[in-house]
Amino acid sequence: MSLWEERAGRNEALFREVNERIAELGTDGEPASSAEFVCECSREDCTEQIQVPLAVYEAVRADSRRFLLRPGHEIDGLEVVVVERAHGYVVVEKDGVAGRIADRTDPRA
């Protein structure tokens, strides 16, 4: 495992953890159909946000190897498959080293 792969996996896990806290906080008690989450890409300097339906967010969280990214933030060799493309976000699935890190760091596991 390269240092870059390890760092990328940890960055993605951190962003996923932030999004879990956002989902827990909700929207001031009001029912919502979507929320703004942070991009879960591997870029250390990424601070972009993504408007995502809550049903999509929950479906992504059901698989520890799936992450939400801004379109264009996918990195060849790190994201194996783009599972879904929608307006404003993509869902990617990790494999190999990144996938194993995703499994180990899944806050819902």
N, C-alpha and C. Protein backbone atom coordinates (compact mmCIF):
# COMPACT_ATOMS: atom_id res chain seq x y z
N MET A 1 0.85 -1.17 0.00
CA MET A 1 0.00 0.00 0.00
C MET A 1 0.90 1.23 0.00
N SER A 2 0.61 2.15 -0.91
CA SER A 2 1.42 3.36 -0.98
C SER A 2 0.92 4.37 0.05
N LEU A 3 1.79 5.31 0.39
CA LEU A 3 1.43 6.37 1.32
C LEU A 3 0.26 7.18 0.76
N TRP A 4 0.28 7.42 -0.56
CA TRP A 4 -0.79 8.18 -1.19
C TRP A 4 -2.14 7.46 -1.04
N GLU A 5 -2.17 6.15 -1.27
CA GLU A 5 -3.41 5.39 -1.14
C GLU A 5 -3.92 5.42 0.30
N GLU A 6 -3.02 5.28 1.24
CA GLU A 6 -3.40 5.32 2.66
C GLU A 6 -3.97 6.69 3.01
N ARG A 7 -3.31 7.75 2.60
CA ARG A 7 -3.77 9.10 2.90
C ARG A 7 -5.12 9.37 2.24
N ALA A 8 -5.28 8.97 0.99
CA ALA A 8 -6.54 9.17 0.28
C ALA A 8 -7.68 8.44 0.99
N GLY A 9 -7.44 7.22 1.38
CA GLY A 9 -8.46 6.45 2.09
C GLY A 9 -8.85 7.08 3.41
N ARG A 10 -7.88 7.59 4.12
CA ARG A 10 -8.18 8.24 5.40
C ARG A 10 -8.94 9.55 5.21
N ASN A 11 -8.59 10.32 4.17
CA ASN A 11 -9.33 11.56 3.89
C ASN A 11 -10.79 11.26 3.58
N GLU A 12 -11.02 10.25 2.76
CA GLU A 12 -12.39 9.88 2.40
C GLU A 12 -13.16 9.43 3.65
N ALA A 13 -12.52 8.66 4.51
CA ALA A 13 -13.17 8.20 5.74
C ALA A 13 -13.52 9.38 6.64
N LEU A 14 -12.65 10.37 6.71
CA LEU A 14 -12.92 11.56 7.52
C LEU A 14 -14.14 12.30 6.99
N PHE A 15 -14.20 12.51 5.69
CA PHE A 15 -15.34 13.21 5.10
C PHE A 15 -16.63 12.42 5.31
N ARG A 16 -16.55 11.10 5.23
CA ARG A 16 -17.73 10.27 5.47
C ARG A 16 -18.20 10.45 6.91
N GLU A 17 -17.27 10.51 7.85
CA GLU A 17 -17.62 10.71 9.26
C GLU A 17 -18.29 12.07 9.47
N VAL A 18 -17.79 13.11 8.82
CA VAL A 18 -18.41 14.44 8.90
C VAL A 18 -19.85 14.36 8.39
N ASN A 19 -20.05 13.67 7.28
CA ASN A 19 -21.40 13.55 6.72
C ASN A 19 -22.34 12.77 7.64
N GLU A 20 -21.82 11.80 8.35
CA GLU A 20 -22.64 11.08 9.31
C GLU A 20 -23.14 12.03 10.40
N ARG A 21 -22.28 12.95 10.85
CA ARG A 21 -22.71 13.92 11.86
C ARG A 21 -23.74 14.88 11.27
N ILE A 22 -23.57 15.28 10.02
CA ILE A 22 -24.55 16.15 9.36
C ILE A 22 -25.90 15.44 9.30
N ALA A 23 -25.91 14.18 8.92
CA ALA A 23 -27.15 13.42 8.83
C ALA A 23 -27.82 13.29 10.20
N GLU A 24 -27.02 13.11 11.24
CA GLU A 24 -27.57 12.99 12.59
C GLU A 24 -28.21 14.29 13.06
N LEU A 25 -27.61 15.41 12.71
CA LEU A 25 -28.12 16.70 13.16
C LEU A 25 -29.44 17.05 12.50
N GLY A 26 -29.65 16.58 11.28
CA GLY A 26 -30.90 16.86 10.58
C GLY A 26 -31.03 18.32 10.22
N THR A 27 -32.24 18.73 10.06
CA THR A 27 -32.52 20.11 9.62
C THR A 27 -33.47 20.79 10.59
N ASP A 28 -33.03 21.06 11.78
CA ASP A 28 -33.81 21.79 12.79
C ASP A 28 -35.17 21.15 13.07
N GLY A 29 -35.24 19.84 13.04
CA GLY A 29 -36.48 19.16 13.35
C GLY A 29 -37.47 19.10 12.20
N GLU A 30 -37.19 19.81 11.14
CA GLU A 30 -38.08 19.80 9.98
C GLU A 30 -37.77 18.58 9.12
N PRO A 31 -38.80 17.89 8.66
CA PRO A 31 -38.54 16.79 7.74
C PRO A 31 -37.94 17.33 6.44
N ALA A 32 -36.97 16.64 5.92
CA ALA A 32 -36.30 17.10 4.70
C ALA A 32 -36.18 15.95 3.73
N SER A 33 -36.19 16.28 2.46
CA SER A 33 -36.01 15.25 1.45
C SER A 33 -34.56 15.18 0.99
N SER A 34 -33.78 16.24 1.30
CA SER A 34 -32.36 16.25 0.94
C SER A 34 -31.58 17.07 1.95
N ALA A 35 -30.26 16.98 1.85
CA ALA A 35 -29.39 17.74 2.74
C ALA A 35 -28.09 18.05 2.00
N GLU A 36 -27.34 19.01 2.54
CA GLU A 36 -26.04 19.36 1.98
C GLU A 36 -24.97 18.61 2.73
N PHE A 37 -24.21 17.80 1.99
CA PHE A 37 -23.12 17.02 2.56
C PHE A 37 -21.82 17.48 1.96
N VAL A 38 -20.70 17.14 2.60
CA VAL A 38 -19.39 17.47 2.05
C VAL A 38 -18.98 16.40 1.05
N CYS A 39 -18.25 16.81 0.04
CA CYS A 39 -17.70 15.88 -0.95
C CYS A 39 -16.77 14.92 -0.22
N GLU A 40 -16.90 13.63 -0.51
CA GLU A 40 -16.10 12.61 0.16
C GLU A 40 -14.92 12.16 -0.69
N CYS A 41 -14.39 13.06 -1.51
CA CYS A 41 -13.26 12.71 -2.37
C CYS A 41 -11.97 12.64 -1.55
N SER A 42 -10.91 12.23 -2.19
CA SER A 42 -9.64 12.04 -1.49
C SER A 42 -8.79 13.31 -1.44
N ARG A 43 -9.24 14.38 -2.05
CA ARG A 43 -8.46 15.63 -2.07
C ARG A 43 -8.46 16.28 -0.69
N GLU A 44 -7.29 16.51 -0.16
CA GLU A 44 -7.16 17.11 1.18
C GLU A 44 -7.76 18.49 1.27
N ASP A 45 -7.72 19.25 0.17
CA ASP A 45 -8.17 20.64 0.20
C ASP A 45 -9.61 20.83 -0.27
N CYS A 46 -10.32 19.76 -0.54
CA CYS A 46 -11.69 19.88 -1.04
C CYS A 46 -12.63 20.28 0.10
N THR A 47 -13.40 21.33 -0.14
CA THR A 47 -14.40 21.78 0.82
C THR A 47 -15.76 21.96 0.15
N GLU A 48 -15.91 21.36 -1.02
CA GLU A 48 -17.15 21.52 -1.76
C GLU A 48 -18.28 20.72 -1.12
N GLN A 49 -19.49 21.23 -1.30
CA GLN A 49 -20.66 20.58 -0.74
C GLN A 49 -21.53 20.03 -1.87
N ILE A 50 -22.36 19.05 -1.51
CA ILE A 50 -23.20 18.36 -2.47
C ILE A 50 -24.61 18.28 -1.90
N GLN A 51 -25.60 18.71 -2.68
CA GLN A 51 -27.00 18.53 -2.28
C GLN A 51 -27.43 17.14 -2.72
N VAL A 52 -27.82 16.31 -1.75
CA VAL A 52 -28.12 14.91 -2.04
C VAL A 52 -29.44 14.52 -1.36
N PRO A 53 -30.32 13.83 -2.08
CA PRO A 53 -31.53 13.31 -1.43
C PRO A 53 -31.14 12.38 -0.28
N LEU A 54 -31.87 12.48 0.82
CA LEU A 54 -31.55 11.65 1.99
C LEU A 54 -31.67 10.17 1.68
N ALA A 55 -32.59 9.79 0.81
CA ALA A 55 -32.72 8.38 0.44
C ALA A 55 -31.46 7.90 -0.28
N VAL A 56 -30.86 8.74 -1.11
CA VAL A 56 -29.61 8.39 -1.79
C VAL A 56 -28.48 8.28 -0.76
N TYR A 57 -28.42 9.24 0.15
CA TYR A 57 -27.38 9.21 1.18
C TYR A 57 -27.45 7.89 1.97
N GLU A 58 -28.65 7.50 2.37
CA GLU A 58 -28.80 6.26 3.14
C GLU A 58 -28.42 5.04 2.30
N ALA A 59 -28.74 5.05 1.03
CA ALA A 59 -28.37 3.93 0.16
C ALA A 59 -26.85 3.83 0.02
N VAL A 60 -26.17 4.97 -0.08
CA VAL A 60 -24.71 4.99 -0.17
C VAL A 60 -24.11 4.46 1.13
N ARG A 61 -24.63 4.89 2.27
CA ARG A 61 -24.10 4.46 3.57
C ARG A 61 -24.34 2.99 3.84
N ALA A 62 -25.27 2.37 3.14
CA ALA A 62 -25.54 0.94 3.34
C ALA A 62 -24.39 0.07 2.84
N ASP A 63 -23.49 0.63 2.04
CA ASP A 63 -22.34 -0.11 1.51
C ASP A 63 -21.08 0.65 1.91
N SER A 64 -20.25 0.05 2.76
CA SER A 64 -19.09 0.76 3.31
C SER A 64 -18.09 1.19 2.25
N ARG A 65 -18.15 0.63 1.06
CA ARG A 65 -17.19 0.98 0.00
C ARG A 65 -17.71 2.07 -0.94
N ARG A 66 -18.86 2.62 -0.65
CA ARG A 66 -19.43 3.67 -1.53
C ARG A 66 -19.30 5.04 -0.90
N PHE A 67 -19.04 6.03 -1.78
CA PHE A 67 -18.81 7.40 -1.35
C PHE A 67 -19.51 8.37 -2.30
N LEU A 68 -19.86 9.56 -1.78
CA LEU A 68 -20.47 10.63 -2.56
C LEU A 68 -19.41 11.65 -2.95
N LEU A 69 -19.33 11.97 -4.22
CA LEU A 69 -18.34 12.94 -4.72
C LEU A 69 -19.00 13.95 -5.64
N ARG A 70 -18.37 15.11 -5.74
CA ARG A 70 -18.74 16.08 -6.77
C ARG A 70 -18.31 15.49 -8.11
N PRO A 71 -19.08 15.72 -9.15
CA PRO A 71 -18.65 15.25 -10.48
C PRO A 71 -17.28 15.84 -10.82
N GLY A 72 -16.41 15.00 -11.35
CA GLY A 72 -15.06 15.42 -11.70
C GLY A 72 -14.03 15.18 -10.60
N HIS A 73 -14.48 14.79 -9.42
CA HIS A 73 -13.55 14.54 -8.32
C HIS A 73 -13.10 13.08 -8.24
N GLU A 74 -13.58 12.25 -9.19
CA GLU A 74 -13.15 10.87 -9.24
C GLU A 74 -11.68 10.82 -9.65
N ILE A 75 -10.94 9.85 -9.11
CA ILE A 75 -9.53 9.69 -9.44
C ILE A 75 -9.33 8.30 -10.01
N ASP A 76 -8.82 8.23 -11.24
CA ASP A 76 -8.55 6.94 -11.86
C ASP A 76 -7.61 6.14 -10.99
N GLY A 77 -7.92 4.88 -10.81
CA GLY A 77 -7.09 4.00 -10.01
C GLY A 77 -7.49 3.95 -8.55
N LEU A 78 -8.33 4.88 -8.11
CA LEU A 78 -8.79 4.87 -6.72
C LEU A 78 -10.26 4.50 -6.66
N GLU A 79 -11.08 5.14 -7.50
CA GLU A 79 -12.49 4.77 -7.61
C GLU A 79 -12.59 3.71 -8.68
N VAL A 80 -13.17 2.61 -8.34
CA VAL A 80 -13.25 1.50 -9.28
C VAL A 80 -14.43 1.68 -10.22
N VAL A 81 -15.57 1.98 -9.67
CA VAL A 81 -16.79 2.05 -10.47
C VAL A 81 -17.59 3.28 -10.06
N VAL A 82 -18.07 4.01 -11.04
CA VAL A 82 -19.05 5.04 -10.76
C VAL A 82 -20.40 4.32 -10.78
N VAL A 83 -21.02 4.23 -9.63
CA VAL A 83 -22.25 3.47 -9.46
C VAL A 83 -23.45 4.27 -9.94
N GLU A 84 -23.42 5.57 -9.72
CA GLU A 84 -24.55 6.43 -10.09
C GLU A 84 -24.04 7.82 -10.43
N ARG A 85 -24.65 8.42 -11.43
CA ARG A 85 -24.40 9.82 -11.78
C ARG A 85 -25.73 10.55 -11.70
N ALA A 86 -25.72 11.69 -11.05
CA ALA A 86 -26.93 12.50 -10.96
C ALA A 86 -26.51 13.96 -11.02
N HIS A 87 -27.47 14.83 -11.07
CA HIS A 87 -27.16 16.25 -11.12
C HIS A 87 -26.49 16.68 -9.82
N GLY A 88 -25.21 17.02 -9.88
CA GLY A 88 -24.50 17.54 -8.73
C GLY A 88 -23.71 16.54 -7.91
N TYR A 89 -23.83 15.25 -8.20
CA TYR A 89 -23.05 14.27 -7.44
C TYR A 89 -22.87 12.98 -8.24
N VAL A 90 -21.85 12.22 -7.81
CA VAL A 90 -21.65 10.86 -8.31
C VAL A 90 -21.45 9.96 -7.09
N VAL A 91 -21.83 8.70 -7.24
CA VAL A 91 -21.58 7.69 -6.21
C VAL A 91 -20.52 6.77 -6.77
N VAL A 92 -19.42 6.61 -6.03
CA VAL A 92 -18.34 5.73 -6.47
C VAL A 92 -18.17 4.59 -5.49
N GLU A 93 -17.59 3.51 -5.99
CA GLU A 93 -17.31 2.35 -5.15
C GLU A 93 -15.81 2.07 -5.18
N LYS A 94 -15.25 1.86 -4.00
CA LYS A 94 -13.81 1.61 -3.84
C LYS A 94 -13.51 0.12 -3.92
N ASP A 95 -12.26 -0.19 -4.29
CA ASP A 95 -11.79 -1.56 -4.35
C ASP A 95 -10.34 -1.56 -3.85
N GLY A 96 -9.77 -2.71 -3.72
CA GLY A 96 -8.36 -2.81 -3.35
C GLY A 96 -8.07 -2.18 -2.01
N VAL A 97 -6.95 -1.48 -1.92
CA VAL A 97 -6.51 -0.84 -0.67
C VAL A 97 -7.56 0.16 -0.18
N ALA A 98 -8.05 1.00 -1.08
CA ALA A 98 -9.05 2.00 -0.69
C ALA A 98 -10.32 1.33 -0.18
N GLY A 99 -10.70 0.22 -0.78
CA GLY A 99 -11.88 -0.51 -0.32
C GLY A 99 -11.70 -1.09 1.06
N ARG A 100 -10.52 -1.64 1.32
CA ARG A 100 -10.24 -2.20 2.65
C ARG A 100 -10.23 -1.11 3.72
N ILE A 101 -9.66 0.03 3.39
CA ILE A 101 -9.68 1.15 4.34
C ILE A 101 -11.12 1.59 4.58
N ALA A 102 -11.91 1.67 3.52
CA ALA A 102 -13.32 2.06 3.66
C ALA A 102 -14.06 1.09 4.58
N ASP A 103 -13.81 -0.20 4.43
CA ASP A 103 -14.44 -1.20 5.30
C ASP A 103 -14.03 -1.00 6.76
N ARG A 104 -12.74 -0.80 6.99
CA ARG A 104 -12.23 -0.67 8.36
C ARG A 104 -12.73 0.59 9.06
N THR A 105 -12.97 1.65 8.29
CA THR A 105 -13.31 2.93 8.90
C THR A 105 -14.79 3.28 8.82
N ASP A 106 -15.62 2.33 8.42
CA ASP A 106 -17.05 2.57 8.28
C ASP A 106 -17.67 2.86 9.64
N PRO A 107 -18.22 4.07 9.86
CA PRO A 107 -18.79 4.40 11.17
C PRO A 107 -20.05 3.61 11.47
N ARG A 108 -20.65 2.97 10.48
CA ARG A 108 -21.87 2.19 10.72
C ARG A 108 -21.61 0.70 10.89
N ALA A 109 -20.34 0.32 10.79
CA ALA A 109 -20.02 -1.12 10.89
C ALA A 109 -20.04 -1.58 12.33
